[in-house]
Amino acid sequence: MAQDSNQVTAEMRSEIERTRAELGHTIDAIHDRLSPRRFMNEAKDTISDATLGRAKRLAHRVTEAVQSGNGSTHVSAVLDKARSNPGMTALIGTAITALAIGLMTRSRRQH
């Protein structure tokens, strides 16, 4: 019986060591997923896509509209206003960026 007890003890220790190793791998994976550097990189990419990507698409559409002559007086008026009020243009851009970040944050919380 002592031998059976020793065998059971050895099996339990072996199982505990396997469980520890698995937990170590799980903890490492969680650590990698929750690292501040990863969050910062993802946030930077998301903001860049949301702001710069949209700005580039808007600039492209405006350029096409000006070149094609469709609504060129309206586009020219908006561009003139933006050029004459750079502070206000920057403020509006900042507000739009803040709204975009708020919407992205809210949509991530809901998922």
PDB file of N, CA and C in Angstrom:
ATOM      1  N   MET A   1       0.798  -1.191   0.000  1.00  0.00           N
ATOM      2  CA  MET A   1       0.000   0.000   0.000  1.00  0.00           C
ATOM      3  C   MET A   1       0.848   1.266   0.000  1.00  0.00           C
ATOM      4  N   ALA A   2       1.967   1.208   0.642  1.00  0.00           N
ATOM      5  CA  ALA A   2       2.842   2.376   0.690  1.00  0.00           C
ATOM      6  C   ALA A   2       3.316   2.738  -0.715  1.00  0.00           C
ATOM      7  N   GLN A   3       3.537   1.675  -1.522  1.00  0.00           N
ATOM      8  CA  GLN A   3       3.978   1.927  -2.880  1.00  0.00           C
ATOM      9  C   GLN A   3       2.865   2.597  -3.682  1.00  0.00           C
ATOM     10  N   ASP A   4       1.605   2.182  -3.492  1.00  0.00           N
ATOM     11  CA  ASP A   4       0.474   2.812  -4.165  1.00  0.00           C
ATOM     12  C   ASP A   4       0.358   4.275  -3.748  1.00  0.00           C
ATOM     13  N   SER A   5       0.563   4.538  -2.483  1.00  0.00           N
ATOM     14  CA  SER A   5       0.494   5.894  -1.966  1.00  0.00           C
ATOM     15  C   SER A   5       1.592   6.758  -2.577  1.00  0.00           C
ATOM     16  N   ASN A   6       2.799   6.210  -2.701  1.00  0.00           N
ATOM     17  CA  ASN A   6       3.913   6.939  -3.302  1.00  0.00           C
ATOM     18  C   ASN A   6       3.657   7.212  -4.785  1.00  0.00           C
ATOM     19  N   GLN A   7       3.057   6.247  -5.470  1.00  0.00           N
ATOM     20  CA  GLN A   7       2.750   6.417  -6.889  1.00  0.00           C
ATOM     21  C   GLN A   7       1.686   7.511  -7.081  1.00  0.00           C
ATOM     22  N   VAL A   8       0.659   7.500  -6.232  1.00  0.00           N
ATOM     23  CA  VAL A   8      -0.389   8.521  -6.305  1.00  0.00           C
ATOM     24  C   VAL A   8       0.209   9.893  -6.027  1.00  0.00           C
ATOM     25  N   THR A   9       1.089   9.974  -5.051  1.00  0.00           N
ATOM     26  CA  THR A   9       1.734  11.236  -4.710  1.00  0.00           C
ATOM     27  C   THR A   9       2.586  11.730  -5.879  1.00  0.00           C
ATOM     28  N   ALA A  10       3.316  10.851  -6.507  1.00  0.00           N
ATOM     29  CA  ALA A  10       4.162  11.224  -7.645  1.00  0.00           C
ATOM     30  C   ALA A  10       3.301  11.708  -8.815  1.00  0.00           C
ATOM     31  N   GLU A  11       2.184  11.031  -9.055  1.00  0.00           N
ATOM     32  CA  GLU A  11       1.279  11.448 -10.134  1.00  0.00           C
ATOM     33  C   GLU A  11       0.682  12.827  -9.845  1.00  0.00           C
ATOM     34  N   MET A  12       0.325  13.050  -8.595  1.00  0.00           N
ATOM     35  CA  MET A  12      -0.233  14.345  -8.218  1.00  0.00           C
ATOM     36  C   MET A  12       0.805  15.449  -8.399  1.00  0.00           C
ATOM     37  N   ARG A  13       2.032  15.177  -7.996  1.00  0.00           N
ATOM     38  CA  ARG A  13       3.093  16.178  -8.161  1.00  0.00           C
ATOM     39  C   ARG A  13       3.347  16.462  -9.638  1.00  0.00           C
ATOM     40  N   SER A  14       3.319  15.430 -10.428  1.00  0.00           N
ATOM     41  CA  SER A  14       3.513  15.605 -11.862  1.00  0.00           C
ATOM     42  C   SER A  14       2.389  16.450 -12.456  1.00  0.00           C
ATOM     43  N   GLU A  15       1.156  16.184 -12.036  1.00  0.00           N
ATOM     44  CA  GLU A  15      -0.003  16.952 -12.511  1.00  0.00           C
ATOM     45  C   GLU A  15       0.097  18.413 -12.065  1.00  0.00           C
ATOM     46  N   ILE A  16       0.552  18.627 -10.847  1.00  0.00           N
ATOM     47  CA  ILE A  16       0.719  19.993 -10.335  1.00  0.00           C
ATOM     48  C   ILE A  16       1.765  20.737 -11.169  1.00  0.00           C
ATOM     49  N   GLU A  17       2.866  20.076 -11.516  1.00  0.00           N
ATOM     50  CA  GLU A  17       3.906  20.713 -12.321  1.00  0.00           C
ATOM     51  C   GLU A  17       3.394  21.058 -13.719  1.00  0.00           C
ATOM     52  N   ARG A  18       2.598  20.160 -14.318  1.00  0.00           N
ATOM     53  CA  ARG A  18       2.016  20.455 -15.636  1.00  0.00           C
ATOM     54  C   ARG A  18       1.074  21.653 -15.542  1.00  0.00           C
ATOM     55  N   THR A  19       0.258  21.686 -14.486  1.00  0.00           N
ATOM     56  CA  THR A  19      -0.675  22.795 -14.296  1.00  0.00           C
ATOM     57  C   THR A  19       0.077  24.110 -14.098  1.00  0.00           C
ATOM     58  N   ARG A  20       1.153  24.095 -13.342  1.00  0.00           N
ATOM     59  CA  ARG A  20       1.972  25.295 -13.139  1.00  0.00           C
ATOM     60  C   ARG A  20       2.539  25.801 -14.463  1.00  0.00           C
ATOM     61  N   ALA A  21       3.028  24.887 -15.261  1.00  0.00           N
ATOM     62  CA  ALA A  21       3.595  25.282 -16.560  1.00  0.00           C
ATOM     63  C   ALA A  21       2.516  25.900 -17.445  1.00  0.00           C
ATOM     64  N   GLU A  22       1.330  25.286 -17.473  1.00  0.00           N
ATOM     65  CA  GLU A  22       0.229  25.830 -18.267  1.00  0.00           C
ATOM     66  C   GLU A  22      -0.184  27.209 -17.760  1.00  0.00           C
ATOM     67  N   LEU A  23      -0.256  27.365 -16.451  1.00  0.00           N
ATOM     68  CA  LEU A  23      -0.603  28.664 -15.883  1.00  0.00           C
ATOM     69  C   LEU A  23       0.449  29.716 -16.217  1.00  0.00           C
ATOM     70  N   GLY A  24       1.709  29.307 -16.204  1.00  0.00           N
ATOM     71  CA  GLY A  24       2.782  30.235 -16.565  1.00  0.00           C
ATOM     72  C   GLY A  24       2.616  30.745 -17.991  1.00  0.00           C
ATOM     73  N   HIS A  25       2.295  29.843 -18.909  1.00  0.00           N
ATOM     74  CA  HIS A  25       2.073  30.250 -20.305  1.00  0.00           C
ATOM     75  C   HIS A  25       0.846  31.155 -20.416  1.00  0.00           C
ATOM     76  N   THR A  26      -0.210  30.831 -19.680  1.00  0.00           N
ATOM     77  CA  THR A  26      -1.425  31.649 -19.712  1.00  0.00           C
ATOM     78  C   THR A  26      -1.153  33.048 -19.172  1.00  0.00           C
ATOM     79  N   ILE A  27      -0.431  33.129 -18.079  1.00  0.00           N
ATOM     80  CA  ILE A  27      -0.106  34.429 -17.484  1.00  0.00           C
ATOM     81  C   ILE A  27       0.758  35.242 -18.435  1.00  0.00           C
ATOM     82  N   ASP A  28       1.718  34.605 -19.104  1.00  0.00           N
ATOM     83  CA  ASP A  28       2.550  35.323 -20.075  1.00  0.00           C
ATOM     84  C   ASP A  28       1.702  35.863 -21.226  1.00  0.00           C
ATOM     85  N   ALA A  29       0.752  35.061 -21.705  1.00  0.00           N
ATOM     86  CA  ALA A  29      -0.118  35.511 -22.805  1.00  0.00           C
ATOM     87  C   ALA A  29      -0.982  36.685 -22.359  1.00  0.00           C
ATOM     88  N   ILE A  30      -1.523  36.617 -21.150  1.00  0.00           N
ATOM     89  CA  ILE A  30      -2.340  37.722 -20.628  1.00  0.00           C
ATOM     90  C   ILE A  30      -1.481  38.973 -20.474  1.00  0.00           C
ATOM     91  N   HIS A  31      -0.293  38.809 -19.970  1.00  0.00           N
ATOM     92  CA  HIS A  31       0.625  39.947 -19.799  1.00  0.00           C
ATOM     93  C   HIS A  31       0.901  40.625 -21.134  1.00  0.00           C
ATOM     94  N   ASP A  32       1.154  39.824 -22.170  1.00  0.00           N
ATOM     95  CA  ASP A  32       1.411  40.398 -23.499  1.00  0.00           C
ATOM     96  C   ASP A  32       0.190  41.143 -24.025  1.00  0.00           C
ATOM     97  N   ARG A  33      -0.997  40.577 -23.836  1.00  0.00           N
ATOM     98  CA  ARG A  33      -2.221  41.207 -24.338  1.00  0.00           C
ATOM     99  C   ARG A  33      -2.553  42.496 -23.600  1.00  0.00           C
ATOM    100  N   LEU A  34      -2.189  42.600 -22.343  1.00  0.00           N
ATOM    101  CA  LEU A  34      -2.544  43.762 -21.539  1.00  0.00           C
ATOM    102  C   LEU A  34      -1.394  44.745 -21.353  1.00  0.00           C
ATOM    103  N   SER A  35      -0.349  44.591 -22.127  1.00  0.00           N
ATOM    104  CA  SER A  35       0.796  45.484 -21.942  1.00  0.00           C
ATOM    105  C   SER A  35       0.438  46.905 -22.372  1.00  0.00           C
ATOM    106  N   PRO A  36       0.879  47.898 -21.606  1.00  0.00           N
ATOM    107  CA  PRO A  36       0.612  49.299 -21.959  1.00  0.00           C
ATOM    108  C   PRO A  36       1.152  49.667 -23.339  1.00  0.00           C
ATOM    109  N   ARG A  37       2.297  49.120 -23.703  1.00  0.00           N
ATOM    110  CA  ARG A  37       2.882  49.424 -25.008  1.00  0.00           C
ATOM    111  C   ARG A  37       1.945  48.967 -26.133  1.00  0.00           C
ATOM    112  N   ARG A  38       1.347  47.783 -25.965  1.00  0.00           N
ATOM    113  CA  ARG A  38       0.415  47.277 -26.985  1.00  0.00           C
ATOM    114  C   ARG A  38      -0.807  48.196 -27.092  1.00  0.00           C
ATOM    115  N   PHE A  39      -1.359  48.599 -25.938  1.00  0.00           N
ATOM    116  CA  PHE A  39      -2.510  49.506 -25.941  1.00  0.00           C
ATOM    117  C   PHE A  39      -2.166  50.828 -26.617  1.00  0.00           C
ATOM    118  N   MET A  40      -0.994  51.351 -26.319  1.00  0.00           N
ATOM    119  CA  MET A  40      -0.581  52.628 -26.910  1.00  0.00           C
ATOM    120  C   MET A  40      -0.438  52.503 -28.429  1.00  0.00           C
ATOM    121  N   ASN A  41       0.170  51.421 -28.877  1.00  0.00           N
ATOM    122  CA  ASN A  41       0.335  51.222 -30.319  1.00  0.00           C
ATOM    123  C   ASN A  41      -1.014  51.063 -31.018  1.00  0.00           C
ATOM    124  N   GLU A  42      -1.927  50.299 -30.401  1.00  0.00           N
ATOM    125  CA  GLU A  42      -3.254  50.130 -30.997  1.00  0.00           C
ATOM    126  C   GLU A  42      -4.022  51.446 -31.017  1.00  0.00           C
ATOM    127  N   ALA A  43      -3.928  52.212 -29.934  1.00  0.00           N
ATOM    128  CA  ALA A  43      -4.621  53.504 -29.885  1.00  0.00           C
ATOM    129  C   ALA A  43      -4.045  54.456 -30.926  1.00  0.00           C
ATOM    130  N   LYS A  44      -2.729  54.471 -31.045  1.00  0.00           N
ATOM    131  CA  LYS A  44      -2.081  55.342 -32.025  1.00  0.00           C
ATOM    132  C   LYS A  44      -2.518  54.972 -33.449  1.00  0.00           C
ATOM    133  N   ASP A  45      -2.544  53.681 -33.737  1.00  0.00           N
ATOM    134  CA  ASP A  45      -2.973  53.239 -35.067  1.00  0.00           C
ATOM    135  C   ASP A  45      -4.427  53.584 -35.328  1.00  0.00           C
ATOM    136  N   THR A  46      -5.281  53.385 -34.334  1.00  0.00           N
ATOM    137  CA  THR A  46      -6.704  53.683 -34.490  1.00  0.00           C
ATOM    138  C   THR A  46      -6.933  55.167 -34.717  1.00  0.00           C
ATOM    139  N   ILE A  47      -6.264  55.991 -33.928  1.00  0.00           N
ATOM    140  CA  ILE A  47      -6.419  57.442 -34.072  1.00  0.00           C
ATOM    141  C   ILE A  47      -5.873  57.893 -35.420  1.00  0.00           C
ATOM    142  N   SER A  48      -4.744  57.342 -35.800  1.00  0.00           N
ATOM    143  CA  SER A  48      -4.160  57.710 -37.089  1.00  0.00           C
ATOM    144  C   SER A  48      -5.103  57.353 -38.228  1.00  0.00           C
ATOM    145  N   ASP A  49      -5.656  56.142 -38.184  1.00  0.00           N
ATOM    146  CA  ASP A  49      -6.597  55.730 -39.220  1.00  0.00           C
ATOM    147  C   ASP A  49      -7.839  56.608 -39.215  1.00  0.00           C
ATOM    148  N   ALA A  50      -8.329  56.924 -38.020  1.00  0.00           N
ATOM    149  CA  ALA A  50      -9.563  57.702 -37.911  1.00  0.00           C
ATOM    150  C   ALA A  50      -9.364  59.148 -38.353  1.00  0.00           C
ATOM    151  N   THR A  51      -8.242  59.731 -38.029  1.00  0.00           N
ATOM    152  CA  THR A  51      -8.050  61.147 -38.342  1.00  0.00           C
ATOM    153  C   THR A  51      -7.343  61.360 -39.671  1.00  0.00           C
ATOM    154  N   LEU A  52      -6.161  60.805 -39.798  1.00  0.00           N
ATOM    155  CA  LEU A  52      -5.392  61.023 -41.019  1.00  0.00           C
ATOM    156  C   LEU A  52      -6.044  60.364 -42.222  1.00  0.00           C
ATOM    157  N   GLY A  53      -6.573  59.174 -42.023  1.00  0.00           N
ATOM    158  CA  GLY A  53      -7.236  58.489 -43.126  1.00  0.00           C
ATOM    159  C   GLY A  53      -8.441  59.268 -43.624  1.00  0.00           C
ATOM    160  N   ARG A  54      -9.239  59.740 -42.708  1.00  0.00           N
ATOM    161  CA  ARG A  54     -10.407  60.535 -43.096  1.00  0.00           C
ATOM    162  C   ARG A  54     -10.002  61.862 -43.721  1.00  0.00           C
ATOM    163  N   ALA A  55      -8.989  62.480 -43.156  1.00  0.00           N
ATOM    164  CA  ALA A  55      -8.531  63.759 -43.710  1.00  0.00           C
ATOM    165  C   ALA A  55      -8.012  63.571 -45.131  1.00  0.00           C
ATOM    166  N   LYS A  56      -7.276  62.495 -45.367  1.00  0.00           N
ATOM    167  CA  LYS A  56      -6.763  62.232 -46.712  1.00  0.00           C
ATOM    168  C   LYS A  56      -7.910  61.977 -47.690  1.00  0.00           C
ATOM    169  N   ARG A  57      -8.903  61.192 -47.258  1.00  0.00           N
ATOM    170  CA  ARG A  57     -10.047  60.931 -48.135  1.00  0.00           C
ATOM    171  C   ARG A  57     -10.816  62.220 -48.422  1.00  0.00           C
ATOM    172  N   LEU A  58     -10.996  63.050 -47.398  1.00  0.00           N
ATOM    173  CA  LEU A  58     -11.694  64.323 -47.582  1.00  0.00           C
ATOM    174  C   LEU A  58     -10.914  65.233 -48.530  1.00  0.00           C
ATOM    175  N   ALA A  59      -9.619  65.301 -48.336  1.00  0.00           N
ATOM    176  CA  ALA A  59      -8.788  66.136 -49.213  1.00  0.00           C
ATOM    177  C   ALA A  59      -8.873  65.642 -50.654  1.00  0.00           C
ATOM    178  N   HIS A  60      -8.895  64.343 -50.821  1.00  0.00           N
ATOM    179  CA  HIS A  60      -9.003  63.786 -52.169  1.00  0.00           C
ATOM    180  C   HIS A  60     -10.343  64.151 -52.800  1.00  0.00           C
ATOM    181  N   ARG A  61     -11.422  64.029 -52.029  1.00  0.00           N
ATOM    182  CA  ARG A  61     -12.752  64.375 -52.554  1.00  0.00           C
ATOM    183  C   ARG A  61     -12.833  65.871 -52.877  1.00  0.00           C
ATOM    184  N   VAL A  62     -12.268  66.700 -52.013  1.00  0.00           N
ATOM    185  CA  VAL A  62     -12.294  68.147 -52.259  1.00  0.00           C
ATOM    186  C   VAL A  62     -11.496  68.468 -53.517  1.00  0.00           C
ATOM    187  N   THR A  63     -10.325  67.846 -53.648  1.00  0.00           N
ATOM    188  CA  THR A  63      -9.504  68.075 -54.834  1.00  0.00           C
ATOM    189  C   THR A  63     -10.247  67.673 -56.101  1.00  0.00           C
ATOM    190  N   GLU A  64     -10.893  66.515 -56.049  1.00  0.00           N
ATOM    191  CA  GLU A  64     -11.668  66.077 -57.212  1.00  0.00           C
ATOM    192  C   GLU A  64     -12.798  67.046 -57.522  1.00  0.00           C
ATOM    193  N   ALA A  65     -13.473  67.531 -56.486  1.00  0.00           N
ATOM    194  CA  ALA A  65     -14.586  68.457 -56.699  1.00  0.00           C
ATOM    195  C   ALA A  65     -14.098  69.761 -57.318  1.00  0.00           C
ATOM    196  N   VAL A  66     -12.948  70.245 -56.841  1.00  0.00           N
ATOM    197  CA  VAL A  66     -12.407  71.487 -57.373  1.00  0.00           C
ATOM    198  C   VAL A  66     -11.968  71.290 -58.823  1.00  0.00           C
ATOM    199  N   GLN A  67     -11.322  70.176 -59.090  1.00  0.00           N
ATOM    200  CA  GLN A  67     -10.828  69.929 -60.443  1.00  0.00           C
ATOM    201  C   GLN A  67     -11.964  69.690 -61.432  1.00  0.00           C
ATOM    202  N   SER A  68     -13.049  69.055 -60.969  1.00  0.00           N
ATOM    203  CA  SER A  68     -14.148  68.759 -61.889  1.00  0.00           C
ATOM    204  C   SER A  68     -15.083  69.952 -62.053  1.00  0.00           C
ATOM    205  N   GLY A  69     -14.976  70.925 -61.162  1.00  0.00           N
ATOM    206  CA  GLY A  69     -15.828  72.107 -61.257  1.00  0.00           C
ATOM    207  C   GLY A  69     -17.163  71.936 -60.559  1.00  0.00           C
ATOM    208  N   ASN A  70     -17.426  70.758 -59.977  1.00  0.00           N
ATOM    209  CA  ASN A  70     -18.680  70.531 -59.260  1.00  0.00           C
ATOM    210  C   ASN A  70     -18.642  71.223 -57.907  1.00  0.00           C
ATOM    211  N   GLY A  71     -19.467  72.208 -57.721  1.00  0.00           N
ATOM    212  CA  GLY A  71     -19.531  72.895 -56.434  1.00  0.00           C
ATOM    213  C   GLY A  71     -18.263  73.648 -56.106  1.00  0.00           C
ATOM    214  N   SER A  72     -17.516  74.034 -57.107  1.00  0.00           N
ATOM    215  CA  SER A  72     -16.223  74.650 -56.842  1.00  0.00           C
ATOM    216  C   SER A  72     -16.347  75.964 -56.076  1.00  0.00           C
ATOM    217  N   THR A  73     -17.445  76.704 -56.266  1.00  0.00           N
ATOM    218  CA  THR A  73     -17.580  77.955 -55.513  1.00  0.00           C
ATOM    219  C   THR A  73     -17.755  77.674 -54.035  1.00  0.00           C
ATOM    220  N   HIS A  74     -18.507  76.619 -53.709  1.00  0.00           N
ATOM    221  CA  HIS A  74     -18.696  76.264 -52.300  1.00  0.00           C
ATOM    222  C   HIS A  74     -17.392  75.759 -51.692  1.00  0.00           C
ATOM    223  N   VAL A  75     -16.716  74.899 -52.422  1.00  0.00           N
ATOM    224  CA  VAL A  75     -15.450  74.347 -51.924  1.00  0.00           C
ATOM    225  C   VAL A  75     -14.425  75.462 -51.754  1.00  0.00           C
ATOM    226  N   SER A  76     -14.350  76.353 -52.740  1.00  0.00           N
ATOM    227  CA  SER A  76     -13.392  77.459 -52.647  1.00  0.00           C
ATOM    228  C   SER A  76     -13.700  78.354 -51.457  1.00  0.00           C
ATOM    229  N   ALA A  77     -14.972  78.577 -51.191  1.00  0.00           N
ATOM    230  CA  ALA A  77     -15.357  79.417 -50.055  1.00  0.00           C
ATOM    231  C   ALA A  77     -14.946  78.757 -48.743  1.00  0.00           C
ATOM    232  N   VAL A  78     -15.165  77.440 -48.635  1.00  0.00           N
ATOM    233  CA  VAL A  78     -14.788  76.729 -47.407  1.00  0.00           C
ATOM    234  C   VAL A  78     -13.275  76.761 -47.232  1.00  0.00           C
ATOM    235  N   LEU A  79     -12.539  76.503 -48.301  1.00  0.00           N
ATOM    236  CA  LEU A  79     -11.075  76.530 -48.213  1.00  0.00           C
ATOM    237  C   LEU A  79     -10.557  77.924 -47.866  1.00  0.00           C
ATOM    238  N   ASP A  80     -11.161  78.950 -48.418  1.00  0.00           N
ATOM    239  CA  ASP A  80     -10.753  80.322 -48.089  1.00  0.00           C
ATOM    240  C   ASP A  80     -10.990  80.632 -46.619  1.00  0.00           C
ATOM    241  N   LYS A  81     -12.153  80.210 -46.116  1.00  0.00           N
ATOM    242  CA  LYS A  81     -12.451  80.421 -44.691  1.00  0.00           C
ATOM    243  C   LYS A  81     -11.433  79.689 -43.815  1.00  0.00           C
ATOM    244  N   ALA A  82     -11.119  78.438 -44.184  1.00  0.00           N
ATOM    245  CA  ALA A  82     -10.160  77.655 -43.395  1.00  0.00           C
ATOM    246  C   ALA A  82      -8.788  78.311 -43.399  1.00  0.00           C
ATOM    247  N   ARG A  83      -8.374  78.817 -44.549  1.00  0.00           N
ATOM    248  CA  ARG A  83      -7.065  79.468 -44.638  1.00  0.00           C
ATOM    249  C   ARG A  83      -7.022  80.778 -43.861  1.00  0.00           C
ATOM    250  N   SER A  84      -8.131  81.494 -43.845  1.00  0.00           N
ATOM    251  CA  SER A  84      -8.132  82.785 -43.157  1.00  0.00           C
ATOM    252  C   SER A  84      -8.312  82.646 -41.647  1.00  0.00           C
ATOM    253  N   ASN A  85      -8.765  81.478 -41.175  1.00  0.00           N
ATOM    254  CA  ASN A  85      -8.970  81.235 -39.736  1.00  0.00           C
ATOM    255  C   ASN A  85      -8.281  79.943 -39.314  1.00  0.00           C
ATOM    256  N   PRO A  86      -6.945  79.882 -39.327  1.00  0.00           N
ATOM    257  CA  PRO A  86      -6.264  78.622 -38.992  1.00  0.00           C
ATOM    258  C   PRO A  86      -6.514  78.176 -37.553  1.00  0.00           C
ATOM    259  N   GLY A  87      -6.669  79.114 -36.645  1.00  0.00           N
ATOM    260  CA  GLY A  87      -6.935  78.741 -35.248  1.00  0.00           C
ATOM    261  C   GLY A  87      -8.274  78.044 -35.108  1.00  0.00           C
ATOM    262  N   MET A  88      -9.283  78.593 -35.754  1.00  0.00           N
ATOM    263  CA  MET A  88     -10.612  77.984 -35.702  1.00  0.00           C
ATOM    264  C   MET A  88     -10.604  76.626 -36.409  1.00  0.00           C
ATOM    265  N   THR A  89      -9.882  76.539 -37.506  1.00  0.00           N
ATOM    266  CA  THR A  89      -9.787  75.271 -38.230  1.00  0.00           C
ATOM    267  C   THR A  89      -9.141  74.208 -37.347  1.00  0.00           C
ATOM    268  N   ALA A  90      -8.080  74.576 -36.641  1.00  0.00           N
ATOM    269  CA  ALA A  90      -7.414  73.636 -35.730  1.00  0.00           C
ATOM    270  C   ALA A  90      -8.343  73.243 -34.593  1.00  0.00           C
ATOM    271  N   LEU A  91      -9.105  74.190 -34.068  1.00  0.00           N
ATOM    272  CA  LEU A  91     -10.043  73.899 -32.987  1.00  0.00           C
ATOM    273  C   LEU A  91     -11.120  72.928 -33.452  1.00  0.00           C
ATOM    274  N   ILE A  92     -11.638  73.146 -34.632  1.00  0.00           N
ATOM    275  CA  ILE A  92     -12.658  72.236 -35.175  1.00  0.00           C
ATOM    276  C   ILE A  92     -12.058  70.847 -35.385  1.00  0.00           C
ATOM    277  N   GLY A  93     -10.834  70.795 -35.907  1.00  0.00           N
ATOM    278  CA  GLY A  93     -10.168  69.505 -36.094  1.00  0.00           C
ATOM    279  C   GLY A  93      -9.963  68.774 -34.778  1.00  0.00           C
ATOM    280  N   THR A  94      -9.594  69.515 -33.744  1.00  0.00           N
ATOM    281  CA  THR A  94      -9.411  68.914 -32.420  1.00  0.00           C
ATOM    282  C   THR A  94     -10.734  68.396 -31.874  1.00  0.00           C
ATOM    283  N   ALA A  95     -11.794  69.154 -32.052  1.00  0.00           N
ATOM    284  CA  ALA A  95     -13.114  68.720 -31.577  1.00  0.00           C
ATOM    285  C   ALA A  95     -13.571  67.467 -32.307  1.00  0.00           C
ATOM    286  N   ILE A  96     -13.355  67.415 -33.595  1.00  0.00           N
ATOM    287  CA  ILE A  96     -13.740  66.226 -34.369  1.00  0.00           C
ATOM    288  C   ILE A  96     -12.932  65.016 -33.919  1.00  0.00           C
ATOM    289  N   THR A  97     -11.648  65.219 -33.669  1.00  0.00           N
ATOM    290  CA  THR A  97     -10.807  64.129 -33.182  1.00  0.00           C
ATOM    291  C   THR A  97     -11.289  63.635 -31.825  1.00  0.00           C
ATOM    292  N   ALA A  98     -11.619  64.547 -30.918  1.00  0.00           N
ATOM    293  CA  ALA A  98     -12.112  64.155 -29.592  1.00  0.00           C
ATOM    294  C   ALA A  98     -13.419  63.377 -29.718  1.00  0.00           C
ATOM    295  N   LEU A  99     -14.297  63.809 -30.591  1.00  0.00           N
ATOM    296  CA  LEU A  99     -15.552  63.079 -30.804  1.00  0.00           C
ATOM    297  C   LEU A  99     -15.280  61.679 -31.342  1.00  0.00           C
ATOM    298  N   ALA A 100     -14.354  61.574 -32.284  1.00  0.00           N
ATOM    299  CA  ALA A 100     -14.026  60.268 -32.855  1.00  0.00           C
ATOM    300  C   ALA A 100     -13.469  59.332 -31.790  1.00  0.00           C
ATOM    301  N   ILE A 101     -12.582  59.846 -30.945  1.00  0.00           N
ATOM    302  CA  ILE A 101     -12.011  59.020 -29.871  1.00  0.00           C
ATOM    303  C   ILE A 101     -13.105  58.596 -28.905  1.00  0.00           C
ATOM    304  N   GLY A 102     -13.999  59.517 -28.559  1.00  0.00           N
ATOM    305  CA  GLY A 102     -15.103  59.170 -27.669  1.00  0.00           C
ATOM    306  C   GLY A 102     -15.996  58.099 -28.250  1.00  0.00           C
ATOM    307  N   LEU A 103     -16.281  58.190 -29.525  1.00  0.00           N
ATOM    308  CA  LEU A 103     -17.120  57.177 -30.170  1.00  0.00           C
ATOM    309  C   LEU A 103     -16.421  55.831 -30.226  1.00  0.00           C
ATOM    310  N   MET A 104     -15.122  55.837 -30.516  1.00  0.00           N
ATOM    311  CA  MET A 104     -14.370  54.566 -30.560  1.00  0.00           C
ATOM    312  C   MET A 104     -14.320  53.931 -29.173  1.00  0.00           C
ATOM    313  N   THR A 105     -14.101  54.732 -28.156  1.00  0.00           N
ATOM    314  CA  THR A 105     -14.040  54.214 -26.795  1.00  0.00           C
ATOM    315  C   THR A 105     -15.382  53.616 -26.392  1.00  0.00           C
ATOM    316  N   ARG A 106     -16.451  54.330 -26.705  1.00  0.00           N
ATOM    317  CA  ARG A 106     -17.782  53.859 -26.356  1.00  0.00           C
ATOM    318  C   ARG A 106     -18.112  52.568 -27.098  1.00  0.00           C
ATOM    319  N   SER A 107     -17.755  52.461 -28.370  1.00  0.00           N
ATOM    320  CA  SER A 107     -18.082  51.256 -29.136  1.00  0.00           C
ATOM    321  C   SER A 107     -17.273  50.074 -28.644  1.00  0.00           C
ATOM    322  N   ARG A 108     -16.034  50.290 -28.179  1.00  0.00           N
ATOM    323  CA  ARG A 108     -15.235  49.181 -27.642  1.00  0.00           C
ATOM    324  C   ARG A 108     -15.797  48.697 -26.299  1.00  0.00           C
ATOM    325  N   ARG A 109     -16.323  49.607 -25.498  1.00  0.00           N
ATOM    326  CA  ARG A 109     -16.902  49.226 -24.205  1.00  0.00           C
ATOM    327  C   ARG A 109     -18.140  48.369 -24.407  1.00  0.00           C
ATOM    328  N   GLN A 110     -18.888  48.635 -25.472  1.00  0.00           N
ATOM    329  CA  GLN A 110     -20.125  47.915 -25.710  1.00  0.00           C
ATOM    330  C   GLN A 110     -19.878  46.504 -26.210  1.00  0.00           C
ATOM    331  N   HIS A 111     -18.708  46.245 -26.802  1.00  0.00           N
ATOM    332  CA  HIS A 111     -18.403  44.908 -27.330  1.00  0.00           C
ATOM    333  C   HIS A 111     -17.806  44.131 -26.241  1.00  0.00           C
TER     334      HIS A 111
END
